[in-house]
């Protein structure tokens, strides 16, 4: 029953993400003068963007957290690799590790997809680029939310000390919140980019929870 509810909630978030994509492509579309690229929800996005402007410090902070998220992925990959070497069969690797790897793979696939199927462009042309890059959904938001939230779900399988476990879960939650807020106010994404990243992440996380529920402690 719990798994079924997770799948339903996942489907709701996926539908909301799809609706947002359709709306962004069709509602209040106008050209951004700074980039020369079209952008949906122009009035809302530009109004919000103008409140905070460009904040490079927050951009760098969120970049660091993004690297940290990749390191977390590497740790779980290493756990899986060591289990594979020791147990000599992929079927003997913890199911939660396999499913976590699949979750990461889906995030990578979605990142590649939205680099080709461009929904929105960044508000600015980045210093190392010649033109505005794709910005929907915020890949940093998606990465951090998926990695940190899924870590909160699975870390109890590997950390038995209750105090350490609680501390690590709090750290993951703080990193997730700070990164999403930081990405929102640093000025390299539109409001709808962040919202899209949150909706897609939520869909993936509830799907993962439904699939891996029996393996979680």
N, C-alpha and C. Protein backbone atom coordinates (compact mmCIF):
# COMPACT_ATOMS: atom_id res chain seq x y z
N UNK A 1 0.82 -1.20 0.00
CA UNK A 1 0.00 0.00 0.00
C UNK A 1 0.86 1.27 0.00
N UNK A 2 1.92 1.27 0.83
CA UNK A 2 2.80 2.43 0.88
C UNK A 2 3.47 2.67 -0.45
N UNK A 3 3.87 1.59 -1.10
CA UNK A 3 4.51 1.71 -2.41
C UNK A 3 3.55 2.28 -3.44
N UNK A 4 2.29 1.82 -3.38
CA UNK A 4 1.29 2.30 -4.33
C UNK A 4 1.07 3.81 -4.16
N UNK A 5 1.01 4.27 -2.91
CA UNK A 5 0.84 5.70 -2.65
C UNK A 5 2.02 6.49 -3.20
N UNK A 6 3.22 5.93 -3.04
CA UNK A 6 4.42 6.61 -3.55
C UNK A 6 4.37 6.74 -5.06
N UNK A 7 3.90 5.69 -5.73
CA UNK A 7 3.80 5.72 -7.19
C UNK A 7 2.76 6.76 -7.64
N UNK A 8 1.66 6.84 -6.91
CA UNK A 8 0.62 7.81 -7.25
C UNK A 8 1.15 9.23 -7.09
N UNK A 9 1.82 9.49 -5.96
CA UNK A 9 2.38 10.82 -5.71
C UNK A 9 3.43 11.16 -6.77
N UNK A 10 4.25 10.17 -7.13
CA UNK A 10 5.25 10.36 -8.19
C UNK A 10 4.58 10.77 -9.49
N UNK A 11 3.49 10.09 -9.83
CA UNK A 11 2.76 10.42 -11.05
C UNK A 11 2.19 11.82 -11.03
N UNK A 12 1.70 12.25 -9.86
CA UNK A 12 1.16 13.60 -9.72
C UNK A 12 2.24 14.64 -9.97
N UNK A 13 3.41 14.44 -9.35
CA UNK A 13 4.50 15.40 -9.55
C UNK A 13 4.98 15.40 -11.00
N UNK A 14 5.03 14.22 -11.62
CA UNK A 14 5.44 14.14 -13.03
C UNK A 14 4.45 14.89 -13.92
N UNK A 15 3.16 14.75 -13.61
CA UNK A 15 2.13 15.46 -14.38
C UNK A 15 2.26 16.97 -14.20
N UNK A 16 2.51 17.40 -12.97
CA UNK A 16 2.69 18.83 -12.70
C UNK A 16 3.90 19.38 -13.44
N UNK A 17 4.97 18.58 -13.50
CA UNK A 17 6.17 19.00 -14.23
C UNK A 17 5.86 19.15 -15.72
N UNK A 18 5.10 18.20 -16.25
CA UNK A 18 4.72 18.26 -17.67
C UNK A 18 3.85 19.48 -17.96
N UNK A 19 2.90 19.75 -17.08
CA UNK A 19 2.04 20.92 -17.24
C UNK A 19 2.87 22.20 -17.20
N UNK A 20 3.83 22.26 -16.27
CA UNK A 20 4.69 23.43 -16.19
C UNK A 20 5.48 23.63 -17.48
N UNK A 21 6.00 22.55 -18.04
CA UNK A 21 6.76 22.63 -19.29
C UNK A 21 5.89 23.20 -20.41
N UNK A 22 4.66 22.69 -20.52
CA UNK A 22 3.74 23.16 -21.56
C UNK A 22 3.44 24.65 -21.36
N UNK A 23 3.21 25.04 -20.12
CA UNK A 23 2.90 26.44 -19.83
C UNK A 23 4.09 27.35 -20.12
N UNK A 24 5.28 26.91 -19.73
CA UNK A 24 6.49 27.72 -19.96
C UNK A 24 6.72 27.95 -21.45
N UNK A 25 6.36 26.98 -22.25
CA UNK A 25 6.56 27.11 -23.70
C UNK A 25 5.48 27.95 -24.38
N UNK A 26 4.38 28.21 -23.66
CA UNK A 26 3.26 28.85 -24.35
C UNK A 26 2.69 30.09 -23.66
N UNK A 27 3.00 30.32 -22.40
CA UNK A 27 2.38 31.43 -21.67
C UNK A 27 3.37 32.59 -21.50
N UNK A 28 2.92 33.78 -21.87
CA UNK A 28 3.71 35.01 -21.68
C UNK A 28 5.15 34.84 -22.19
N UNK A 29 5.28 34.38 -23.43
CA UNK A 29 6.60 34.17 -24.02
C UNK A 29 7.10 35.47 -24.63
N UNK A 30 8.32 35.86 -24.29
CA UNK A 30 8.92 37.08 -24.84
C UNK A 30 10.43 36.89 -24.91
N UNK A 31 11.06 37.76 -25.69
CA UNK A 31 12.52 37.67 -25.86
C UNK A 31 13.22 38.43 -24.74
N UNK A 32 14.22 37.80 -24.14
CA UNK A 32 15.02 38.43 -23.09
C UNK A 32 16.10 39.29 -23.77
N UNK A 33 16.12 40.59 -23.55
CA UNK A 33 17.08 41.47 -24.24
C UNK A 33 18.54 41.08 -24.03
N UNK A 34 18.88 40.64 -22.81
CA UNK A 34 20.27 40.32 -22.50
C UNK A 34 20.81 39.12 -23.26
N UNK A 35 19.92 38.21 -23.65
CA UNK A 35 20.38 36.98 -24.33
C UNK A 35 19.83 36.84 -25.74
N UNK A 36 18.75 37.56 -26.03
CA UNK A 36 18.14 37.43 -27.34
C UNK A 36 17.37 36.13 -27.51
N UNK A 37 17.06 35.46 -26.39
CA UNK A 37 16.37 34.17 -26.43
C UNK A 37 14.95 34.32 -25.88
N UNK A 38 14.00 33.52 -26.40
CA UNK A 38 12.62 33.56 -25.88
C UNK A 38 12.54 32.91 -24.51
N UNK A 39 11.59 33.37 -23.70
CA UNK A 39 11.43 32.82 -22.36
C UNK A 39 9.97 32.92 -21.94
N UNK A 40 9.43 31.82 -21.39
CA UNK A 40 8.05 31.79 -20.94
C UNK A 40 7.87 32.38 -19.56
N UNK A 41 6.61 32.70 -19.21
CA UNK A 41 6.31 33.37 -17.94
C UNK A 41 7.22 34.58 -17.75
N UNK A 42 7.35 35.35 -18.83
CA UNK A 42 8.31 36.45 -18.86
C UNK A 42 8.13 37.43 -17.70
N UNK A 43 6.91 37.86 -17.45
CA UNK A 43 6.67 38.88 -16.43
C UNK A 43 7.05 38.39 -15.04
N UNK A 44 6.60 37.18 -14.70
CA UNK A 44 6.89 36.62 -13.37
C UNK A 44 8.38 36.35 -13.22
N UNK A 45 8.96 35.71 -14.22
CA UNK A 45 10.38 35.34 -14.14
C UNK A 45 11.30 36.56 -14.05
N UNK A 46 11.04 37.55 -14.90
CA UNK A 46 11.91 38.74 -14.88
C UNK A 46 11.72 39.56 -13.60
N UNK A 47 10.48 39.63 -13.10
CA UNK A 47 10.22 40.37 -11.87
C UNK A 47 10.99 39.74 -10.71
N UNK A 48 10.94 38.42 -10.63
CA UNK A 48 11.65 37.73 -9.56
C UNK A 48 13.15 37.87 -9.73
N UNK A 49 13.62 37.75 -10.97
CA UNK A 49 15.05 37.85 -11.25
C UNK A 49 15.58 39.24 -10.88
N UNK A 50 14.79 40.26 -11.14
CA UNK A 50 15.23 41.63 -10.85
C UNK A 50 15.34 41.92 -9.35
N UNK A 51 14.63 41.17 -8.55
CA UNK A 51 14.71 41.36 -7.09
C UNK A 51 16.10 41.03 -6.57
N UNK A 52 16.69 39.93 -7.08
CA UNK A 52 17.97 39.45 -6.55
C UNK A 52 19.16 39.76 -7.46
N UNK A 53 18.90 39.93 -8.76
CA UNK A 53 19.99 40.20 -9.69
C UNK A 53 20.94 39.02 -9.80
N UNK A 54 22.25 39.31 -9.99
CA UNK A 54 23.26 38.27 -10.13
C UNK A 54 24.12 38.24 -8.86
N UNK A 55 24.23 37.08 -8.25
CA UNK A 55 25.02 36.93 -7.04
C UNK A 55 26.02 35.79 -7.23
N UNK A 56 27.26 36.14 -7.59
CA UNK A 56 28.28 35.14 -7.91
C UNK A 56 28.68 34.32 -6.68
N UNK A 57 28.63 34.93 -5.51
CA UNK A 57 29.00 34.20 -4.28
C UNK A 57 28.08 33.00 -4.08
N UNK A 58 26.77 33.23 -4.20
CA UNK A 58 25.83 32.13 -4.05
C UNK A 58 25.99 31.11 -5.17
N UNK A 59 26.34 31.59 -6.35
CA UNK A 59 26.58 30.66 -7.47
C UNK A 59 27.73 29.71 -7.14
N UNK A 60 28.81 30.26 -6.58
CA UNK A 60 29.98 29.44 -6.24
C UNK A 60 29.66 28.47 -5.10
N UNK A 61 28.87 28.94 -4.14
CA UNK A 61 28.48 28.06 -3.02
C UNK A 61 27.69 26.86 -3.54
N UNK A 62 26.75 27.12 -4.42
CA UNK A 62 25.93 26.03 -4.96
C UNK A 62 26.76 25.10 -5.84
N UNK A 63 27.77 25.64 -6.52
CA UNK A 63 28.67 24.79 -7.32
C UNK A 63 29.42 23.82 -6.41
N UNK A 64 29.86 24.31 -5.24
CA UNK A 64 30.57 23.45 -4.28
C UNK A 64 29.66 22.34 -3.78
N UNK A 65 28.42 22.68 -3.48
CA UNK A 65 27.47 21.66 -3.02
C UNK A 65 27.18 20.65 -4.13
N UNK A 66 27.21 21.12 -5.37
CA UNK A 66 27.02 20.19 -6.49
C UNK A 66 28.14 19.17 -6.55
N UNK A 67 29.36 19.62 -6.33
CA UNK A 67 30.51 18.70 -6.29
C UNK A 67 30.36 17.72 -5.12
N UNK A 68 29.88 18.23 -3.99
CA UNK A 68 29.65 17.37 -2.82
C UNK A 68 28.64 16.27 -3.14
N UNK A 69 27.60 16.63 -3.87
CA UNK A 69 26.58 15.65 -4.26
C UNK A 69 27.19 14.56 -5.13
N UNK A 70 28.08 14.95 -6.04
CA UNK A 70 28.75 13.97 -6.89
C UNK A 70 29.64 13.04 -6.07
N UNK A 71 30.26 13.58 -5.02
CA UNK A 71 31.09 12.76 -4.13
C UNK A 71 30.23 11.74 -3.39
N UNK A 72 29.02 12.16 -2.99
CA UNK A 72 28.09 11.23 -2.33
C UNK A 72 27.74 10.09 -3.28
N UNK A 73 27.48 10.43 -4.54
CA UNK A 73 27.21 9.40 -5.56
C UNK A 73 28.39 8.44 -5.67
N UNK A 74 29.60 9.00 -5.64
CA UNK A 74 30.81 8.18 -5.76
C UNK A 74 30.95 7.23 -4.57
N UNK A 75 30.58 7.70 -3.37
CA UNK A 75 30.66 6.85 -2.18
C UNK A 75 29.75 5.64 -2.31
N UNK A 76 28.50 5.87 -2.74
CA UNK A 76 27.57 4.75 -2.91
C UNK A 76 28.03 3.82 -4.04
N UNK A 77 28.61 4.42 -5.09
CA UNK A 77 29.14 3.59 -6.19
C UNK A 77 30.29 2.72 -5.69
N UNK A 78 31.12 3.28 -4.82
CA UNK A 78 32.24 2.53 -4.25
C UNK A 78 31.74 1.39 -3.36
N UNK A 79 30.71 1.67 -2.57
CA UNK A 79 30.12 0.61 -1.74
C UNK A 79 29.63 -0.54 -2.62
N UNK A 80 28.95 -0.19 -3.70
CA UNK A 80 28.46 -1.21 -4.62
C UNK A 80 29.59 -1.99 -5.27
N UNK A 81 30.66 -1.29 -5.65
CA UNK A 81 31.80 -1.94 -6.29
C UNK A 81 32.49 -2.90 -5.33
N UNK A 82 32.68 -2.48 -4.10
CA UNK A 82 33.33 -3.34 -3.10
C UNK A 82 32.48 -4.58 -2.81
N UNK A 83 31.16 -4.39 -2.77
CA UNK A 83 30.28 -5.54 -2.57
C UNK A 83 30.36 -6.50 -3.75
N UNK A 84 30.43 -5.94 -4.95
CA UNK A 84 30.53 -6.77 -6.15
C UNK A 84 31.82 -7.59 -6.15
N UNK A 85 32.93 -6.94 -5.78
CA UNK A 85 34.22 -7.63 -5.73
C UNK A 85 34.20 -8.73 -4.66
N UNK A 86 33.65 -8.41 -3.50
CA UNK A 86 33.65 -9.36 -2.39
C UNK A 86 32.68 -10.51 -2.61
N UNK A 87 31.51 -10.21 -3.15
CA UNK A 87 30.46 -11.22 -3.28
C UNK A 87 30.45 -11.90 -4.64
N UNK A 88 31.21 -11.32 -5.59
CA UNK A 88 31.45 -11.92 -6.91
C UNK A 88 30.21 -12.10 -7.77
N UNK A 89 29.15 -11.34 -7.47
CA UNK A 89 27.95 -11.40 -8.30
C UNK A 89 27.16 -10.13 -8.11
N UNK A 90 26.69 -9.55 -9.21
CA UNK A 90 25.92 -8.31 -9.10
C UNK A 90 24.58 -8.55 -8.41
N UNK A 91 24.10 -9.80 -8.47
CA UNK A 91 22.84 -10.11 -7.80
C UNK A 91 22.99 -10.12 -6.28
N UNK A 92 24.24 -10.16 -5.81
CA UNK A 92 24.50 -10.15 -4.37
C UNK A 92 24.75 -8.75 -3.83
N UNK A 93 24.85 -7.78 -4.72
CA UNK A 93 25.00 -6.38 -4.29
C UNK A 93 23.67 -5.93 -3.68
N UNK A 94 23.74 -5.11 -2.62
CA UNK A 94 22.52 -4.64 -1.97
C UNK A 94 21.56 -4.07 -3.00
N UNK A 95 20.30 -4.54 -3.01
CA UNK A 95 19.32 -4.05 -3.98
C UNK A 95 19.16 -2.53 -3.94
N UNK A 96 19.27 -1.94 -2.75
CA UNK A 96 19.10 -0.49 -2.64
C UNK A 96 20.21 0.26 -3.37
N UNK A 97 21.41 -0.32 -3.41
CA UNK A 97 22.52 0.30 -4.14
C UNK A 97 22.26 0.25 -5.64
N UNK A 98 21.77 -0.88 -6.12
CA UNK A 98 21.44 -1.02 -7.55
C UNK A 98 20.37 -0.02 -7.95
N UNK A 99 19.34 0.08 -7.12
CA UNK A 99 18.23 0.99 -7.43
C UNK A 99 18.67 2.45 -7.33
N UNK A 100 19.57 2.73 -6.40
CA UNK A 100 20.12 4.08 -6.28
C UNK A 100 20.91 4.43 -7.54
N UNK A 101 21.68 3.48 -8.03
CA UNK A 101 22.43 3.69 -9.27
C UNK A 101 21.51 3.98 -10.45
N UNK A 102 20.39 3.26 -10.50
CA UNK A 102 19.41 3.50 -11.57
C UNK A 102 18.81 4.89 -11.45
N UNK A 103 18.56 5.32 -10.21
CA UNK A 103 18.03 6.68 -9.98
C UNK A 103 19.00 7.72 -10.50
N UNK A 104 20.27 7.55 -10.17
CA UNK A 104 21.30 8.48 -10.65
C UNK A 104 21.35 8.50 -12.18
N UNK A 105 21.22 7.32 -12.77
CA UNK A 105 21.27 7.21 -14.24
C UNK A 105 20.12 7.96 -14.89
N UNK A 106 18.94 7.90 -14.27
CA UNK A 106 17.78 8.63 -14.80
C UNK A 106 18.02 10.13 -14.74
N UNK A 107 18.63 10.60 -13.65
CA UNK A 107 18.94 12.04 -13.52
C UNK A 107 19.89 12.47 -14.64
N UNK A 108 20.92 11.65 -14.90
CA UNK A 108 21.86 11.96 -15.97
C UNK A 108 21.16 11.99 -17.33
N UNK A 109 20.26 11.02 -17.54
CA UNK A 109 19.52 10.95 -18.81
C UNK A 109 18.63 12.17 -19.00
N UNK A 110 17.99 12.60 -17.92
CA UNK A 110 17.12 13.79 -18.00
C UNK A 110 17.94 15.05 -18.26
N UNK A 111 19.11 15.12 -17.64
CA UNK A 111 20.00 16.25 -17.88
C UNK A 111 20.37 16.33 -19.37
N UNK A 112 20.74 15.18 -19.93
CA UNK A 112 21.10 15.13 -21.36
C UNK A 112 19.91 15.49 -22.24
N UNK A 113 18.73 15.01 -21.86
CA UNK A 113 17.52 15.28 -22.63
C UNK A 113 17.22 16.78 -22.69
N UNK A 114 17.26 17.43 -21.53
CA UNK A 114 16.92 18.86 -21.49
C UNK A 114 18.02 19.77 -22.04
N UNK A 115 19.21 19.20 -22.26
CA UNK A 115 20.24 19.95 -22.97
C UNK A 115 19.92 20.00 -24.46
N UNK A 116 19.19 18.98 -24.94
CA UNK A 116 18.82 18.91 -26.36
C UNK A 116 17.44 19.50 -26.61
N UNK A 117 16.49 19.17 -25.71
CA UNK A 117 15.14 19.71 -25.83
C UNK A 117 15.06 20.92 -24.90
N UNK A 118 15.33 22.08 -25.44
CA UNK A 118 15.47 23.28 -24.62
C UNK A 118 14.11 23.93 -24.35
N UNK A 119 13.81 24.07 -23.06
CA UNK A 119 12.55 24.68 -22.64
C UNK A 119 12.75 26.17 -22.39
N UNK A 120 13.80 26.53 -21.68
CA UNK A 120 14.16 27.92 -21.39
C UNK A 120 15.66 28.09 -21.42
N UNK A 121 16.11 29.32 -21.64
CA UNK A 121 17.53 29.64 -21.60
C UNK A 121 17.86 30.42 -20.33
N UNK A 122 19.12 30.43 -19.93
CA UNK A 122 19.56 31.18 -18.75
C UNK A 122 19.27 32.67 -18.91
N UNK A 123 19.13 33.36 -17.78
CA UNK A 123 18.90 34.82 -17.83
C UNK A 123 20.10 35.59 -18.36
N UNK A 124 21.29 34.99 -18.24
CA UNK A 124 22.53 35.66 -18.66
C UNK A 124 23.37 34.71 -19.49
N UNK A 125 24.32 35.28 -20.20
CA UNK A 125 25.33 34.47 -20.90
C UNK A 125 26.49 34.29 -19.93
N UNK A 126 26.78 33.05 -19.58
CA UNK A 126 27.81 32.78 -18.60
C UNK A 126 29.18 33.19 -19.13
N UNK A 127 30.13 33.53 -18.24
CA UNK A 127 31.45 34.03 -18.65
C UNK A 127 32.21 33.09 -19.59
N UNK A 128 32.00 31.78 -19.43
CA UNK A 128 32.74 30.82 -20.26
C UNK A 128 31.94 30.36 -21.47
N UNK A 129 30.83 31.06 -21.78
CA UNK A 129 29.98 30.67 -22.90
C UNK A 129 29.86 31.82 -23.90
N UNK A 130 29.47 31.47 -25.12
CA UNK A 130 29.31 32.47 -26.17
C UNK A 130 27.84 32.84 -26.38
N UNK A 131 26.94 32.02 -25.86
CA UNK A 131 25.50 32.30 -25.92
C UNK A 131 24.80 31.68 -24.72
N UNK A 132 23.56 32.06 -24.52
CA UNK A 132 22.80 31.56 -23.38
C UNK A 132 22.62 30.05 -23.48
N UNK A 133 22.76 29.38 -22.34
CA UNK A 133 22.63 27.93 -22.29
C UNK A 133 21.24 27.53 -21.80
N UNK A 134 20.91 26.26 -22.01
CA UNK A 134 19.64 25.74 -21.52
C UNK A 134 19.61 25.83 -19.99
N UNK A 135 18.44 26.17 -19.43
CA UNK A 135 18.38 26.33 -17.97
C UNK A 135 17.19 25.64 -17.31
N UNK A 136 16.33 25.00 -18.09
CA UNK A 136 15.17 24.32 -17.52
C UNK A 136 15.29 22.82 -17.74
N UNK A 137 15.10 22.05 -16.67
CA UNK A 137 15.01 22.47 -15.27
C UNK A 137 16.40 22.78 -14.73
N UNK A 138 16.48 23.39 -13.56
CA UNK A 138 17.78 23.63 -12.93
C UNK A 138 18.42 22.29 -12.62
N UNK A 139 19.50 21.97 -13.33
CA UNK A 139 20.15 20.67 -13.12
C UNK A 139 20.76 20.56 -11.73
N UNK A 140 21.22 21.68 -11.18
CA UNK A 140 21.76 21.67 -9.82
C UNK A 140 20.67 21.35 -8.81
N UNK A 141 19.52 21.97 -8.99
CA UNK A 141 18.39 21.69 -8.10
C UNK A 141 18.01 20.22 -8.18
N UNK A 142 17.93 19.70 -9.39
CA UNK A 142 17.56 18.31 -9.60
C UNK A 142 18.60 17.38 -8.97
N UNK A 143 19.88 17.65 -9.21
CA UNK A 143 20.95 16.81 -8.68
C UNK A 143 20.95 16.81 -7.15
N UNK A 144 20.94 18.00 -6.55
CA UNK A 144 21.01 18.09 -5.10
C UNK A 144 19.79 17.46 -4.44
N UNK A 145 18.61 17.76 -4.94
CA UNK A 145 17.39 17.22 -4.34
C UNK A 145 17.37 15.69 -4.41
N UNK A 146 17.68 15.16 -5.58
CA UNK A 146 17.65 13.70 -5.75
C UNK A 146 18.72 13.02 -4.90
N UNK A 147 19.94 13.51 -4.95
CA UNK A 147 21.04 12.86 -4.23
C UNK A 147 20.87 12.98 -2.73
N UNK A 148 20.59 14.19 -2.24
CA UNK A 148 20.51 14.38 -0.79
C UNK A 148 19.26 13.73 -0.20
N UNK A 149 18.12 13.86 -0.86
CA UNK A 149 16.90 13.26 -0.34
C UNK A 149 16.97 11.73 -0.37
N UNK A 150 17.53 11.17 -1.45
CA UNK A 150 17.66 9.71 -1.52
C UNK A 150 18.68 9.21 -0.50
N UNK A 151 19.70 10.02 -0.22
CA UNK A 151 20.67 9.66 0.82
C UNK A 151 19.99 9.59 2.18
N UNK A 152 19.12 10.54 2.45
CA UNK A 152 18.35 10.51 3.70
C UNK A 152 17.55 9.21 3.80
N UNK A 153 17.01 8.76 2.67
CA UNK A 153 16.21 7.54 2.66
C UNK A 153 17.04 6.28 2.93
N UNK A 154 18.24 6.20 2.34
CA UNK A 154 18.99 4.94 2.36
C UNK A 154 20.10 4.87 3.41
N UNK A 155 20.49 6.01 3.96
CA UNK A 155 21.68 6.02 4.81
C UNK A 155 21.52 5.17 6.08
N UNK A 156 20.26 4.99 6.50
CA UNK A 156 20.01 4.14 7.66
C UNK A 156 20.42 2.69 7.44
N UNK A 157 20.56 2.29 6.19
CA UNK A 157 21.02 0.92 5.87
C UNK A 157 22.49 0.73 6.19
N UNK A 158 23.24 1.84 6.31
CA UNK A 158 24.69 1.73 6.43
C UNK A 158 25.26 2.42 7.68
N UNK A 159 24.48 3.30 8.29
CA UNK A 159 24.92 3.97 9.52
C UNK A 159 24.02 3.51 10.67
N UNK A 160 24.61 2.87 11.67
CA UNK A 160 23.83 2.34 12.77
C UNK A 160 23.81 3.27 13.99
N UNK A 161 24.80 4.11 14.13
CA UNK A 161 24.85 5.04 15.25
C UNK A 161 23.75 6.09 15.08
N UNK A 162 22.80 6.12 16.01
CA UNK A 162 21.63 6.98 15.87
C UNK A 162 21.98 8.46 15.84
N UNK A 163 22.93 8.88 16.66
CA UNK A 163 23.31 10.29 16.69
C UNK A 163 23.98 10.72 15.40
N UNK A 164 24.88 9.87 14.90
CA UNK A 164 25.55 10.17 13.63
C UNK A 164 24.55 10.15 12.48
N UNK A 165 23.64 9.20 12.51
CA UNK A 165 22.63 9.09 11.47
C UNK A 165 21.77 10.35 11.43
N UNK A 166 21.33 10.82 12.59
CA UNK A 166 20.51 12.02 12.65
C UNK A 166 21.28 13.24 12.15
N UNK A 167 22.54 13.33 12.54
CA UNK A 167 23.38 14.45 12.12
C UNK A 167 23.55 14.47 10.60
N UNK A 168 23.81 13.32 10.02
CA UNK A 168 24.01 13.23 8.57
C UNK A 168 22.72 13.57 7.81
N UNK A 169 21.60 13.14 8.34
CA UNK A 169 20.32 13.45 7.70
C UNK A 169 20.05 14.96 7.75
N UNK A 170 20.36 15.57 8.88
CA UNK A 170 20.18 17.03 9.00
C UNK A 170 21.09 17.76 8.03
N UNK A 171 22.34 17.30 7.91
CA UNK A 171 23.29 17.92 6.97
C UNK A 171 22.78 17.83 5.54
N UNK A 172 22.25 16.67 5.18
CA UNK A 172 21.72 16.48 3.82
C UNK A 172 20.55 17.43 3.57
N UNK A 173 19.67 17.56 4.55
CA UNK A 173 18.51 18.43 4.41
C UNK A 173 18.93 19.90 4.29
N UNK A 174 19.89 20.30 5.10
CA UNK A 174 20.37 21.69 5.07
C UNK A 174 21.02 21.99 3.72
N UNK A 175 21.87 21.08 3.25
CA UNK A 175 22.53 21.27 1.96
C UNK A 175 21.50 21.40 0.84
N UNK A 176 20.47 20.57 0.92
CA UNK A 176 19.43 20.59 -0.10
C UNK A 176 18.70 21.94 -0.11
N UNK A 177 18.29 22.40 1.05
CA UNK A 177 17.55 23.66 1.14
C UNK A 177 18.42 24.84 0.74
N UNK A 178 19.64 24.89 1.26
CA UNK A 178 20.55 26.01 0.96
C UNK A 178 20.86 26.07 -0.54
N UNK A 179 21.04 24.90 -1.16
CA UNK A 179 21.36 24.88 -2.59
C UNK A 179 20.20 25.36 -3.43
N UNK A 180 19.00 24.90 -3.11
CA UNK A 180 17.82 25.32 -3.88
C UNK A 180 17.61 26.83 -3.75
N UNK A 181 17.69 27.33 -2.51
CA UNK A 181 17.52 28.77 -2.29
C UNK A 181 18.66 29.54 -2.96
N UNK A 182 19.89 29.03 -2.80
CA UNK A 182 21.04 29.69 -3.40
C UNK A 182 20.96 29.74 -4.91
N UNK A 183 20.49 28.65 -5.50
CA UNK A 183 20.37 28.61 -6.96
C UNK A 183 19.28 29.58 -7.42
N UNK A 184 18.27 29.75 -6.59
CA UNK A 184 17.17 30.64 -6.92
C UNK A 184 17.61 32.11 -6.90
N UNK A 185 18.47 32.47 -5.95
CA UNK A 185 18.82 33.89 -5.79
C UNK A 185 20.16 34.27 -6.44
N UNK A 186 20.89 33.28 -6.98
CA UNK A 186 22.19 33.63 -7.57
C UNK A 186 22.05 34.26 -8.95
N UNK A 187 20.88 34.10 -9.59
CA UNK A 187 20.62 34.82 -10.83
C UNK A 187 20.96 34.09 -12.12
N UNK A 188 21.34 32.82 -12.03
CA UNK A 188 21.67 32.08 -13.26
C UNK A 188 20.50 31.22 -13.74
N UNK A 189 19.40 31.25 -12.99
CA UNK A 189 18.20 30.50 -13.37
C UNK A 189 16.97 31.37 -13.18
N UNK A 190 15.92 31.04 -13.91
CA UNK A 190 14.62 31.66 -13.71
C UNK A 190 13.88 30.91 -12.60
N UNK A 191 12.88 31.56 -12.04
CA UNK A 191 12.05 30.94 -11.01
C UNK A 191 11.45 29.63 -11.49
N UNK A 192 10.98 29.61 -12.74
CA UNK A 192 10.35 28.40 -13.27
C UNK A 192 11.36 27.26 -13.46
N UNK A 193 12.64 27.59 -13.64
CA UNK A 193 13.67 26.56 -13.75
C UNK A 193 13.81 25.81 -12.43
N UNK A 194 13.80 26.57 -11.34
CA UNK A 194 13.93 25.98 -10.01
C UNK A 194 12.69 25.14 -9.70
N UNK A 195 11.53 25.68 -10.00
CA UNK A 195 10.28 24.96 -9.76
C UNK A 195 10.25 23.66 -10.56
N UNK A 196 10.70 23.72 -11.80
CA UNK A 196 10.76 22.52 -12.63
C UNK A 196 11.69 21.47 -12.03
N UNK A 197 12.85 21.92 -11.54
CA UNK A 197 13.79 21.00 -10.92
C UNK A 197 13.21 20.33 -9.69
N UNK A 198 12.45 21.09 -8.89
CA UNK A 198 11.83 20.54 -7.68
C UNK A 198 10.75 19.52 -8.04
N UNK A 199 9.91 19.84 -9.02
CA UNK A 199 8.83 18.94 -9.41
C UNK A 199 9.37 17.62 -9.98
N UNK A 200 10.36 17.72 -10.86
CA UNK A 200 10.93 16.51 -11.45
C UNK A 200 11.65 15.68 -10.40
N UNK A 201 12.39 16.34 -9.51
CA UNK A 201 13.08 15.64 -8.43
C UNK A 201 12.07 14.91 -7.54
N UNK A 202 10.98 15.56 -7.22
CA UNK A 202 9.96 14.96 -6.36
C UNK A 202 9.36 13.73 -7.03
N UNK A 203 9.11 13.83 -8.32
CA UNK A 203 8.57 12.67 -9.06
C UNK A 203 9.54 11.49 -9.00
N UNK A 204 10.83 11.76 -9.21
CA UNK A 204 11.84 10.70 -9.19
C UNK A 204 12.00 10.11 -7.79
N UNK A 205 11.98 10.95 -6.77
CA UNK A 205 12.19 10.48 -5.40
C UNK A 205 11.03 9.61 -4.91
N UNK A 206 9.81 10.00 -5.22
CA UNK A 206 8.68 9.16 -4.82
C UNK A 206 8.64 7.86 -5.61
N UNK A 207 9.07 7.92 -6.87
CA UNK A 207 9.18 6.69 -7.65
C UNK A 207 10.22 5.76 -7.03
N UNK A 208 11.37 6.33 -6.66
CA UNK A 208 12.43 5.55 -6.01
C UNK A 208 11.93 4.96 -4.69
N UNK A 209 11.22 5.76 -3.91
CA UNK A 209 10.71 5.29 -2.63
C UNK A 209 9.75 4.13 -2.83
N UNK A 210 8.92 4.21 -3.85
CA UNK A 210 7.99 3.12 -4.12
C UNK A 210 8.69 1.84 -4.53
N UNK A 211 9.73 1.98 -5.33
CA UNK A 211 10.47 0.82 -5.82
C UNK A 211 11.35 0.21 -4.74
N UNK A 212 11.98 1.08 -3.93
CA UNK A 212 12.98 0.60 -2.96
C UNK A 212 12.44 0.47 -1.55
N UNK A 213 11.16 0.70 -1.34
CA UNK A 213 10.60 0.75 0.00
C UNK A 213 10.93 -0.49 0.84
N UNK A 214 10.87 -1.67 0.26
CA UNK A 214 11.12 -2.92 0.99
C UNK A 214 12.59 -3.08 1.37
N UNK A 215 13.46 -2.34 0.70
CA UNK A 215 14.91 -2.47 0.96
C UNK A 215 15.40 -1.44 1.98
N UNK A 216 14.55 -0.48 2.33
CA UNK A 216 14.96 0.60 3.22
C UNK A 216 14.73 0.24 4.69
N UNK A 217 15.68 0.63 5.54
CA UNK A 217 15.57 0.33 6.98
C UNK A 217 15.29 1.59 7.77
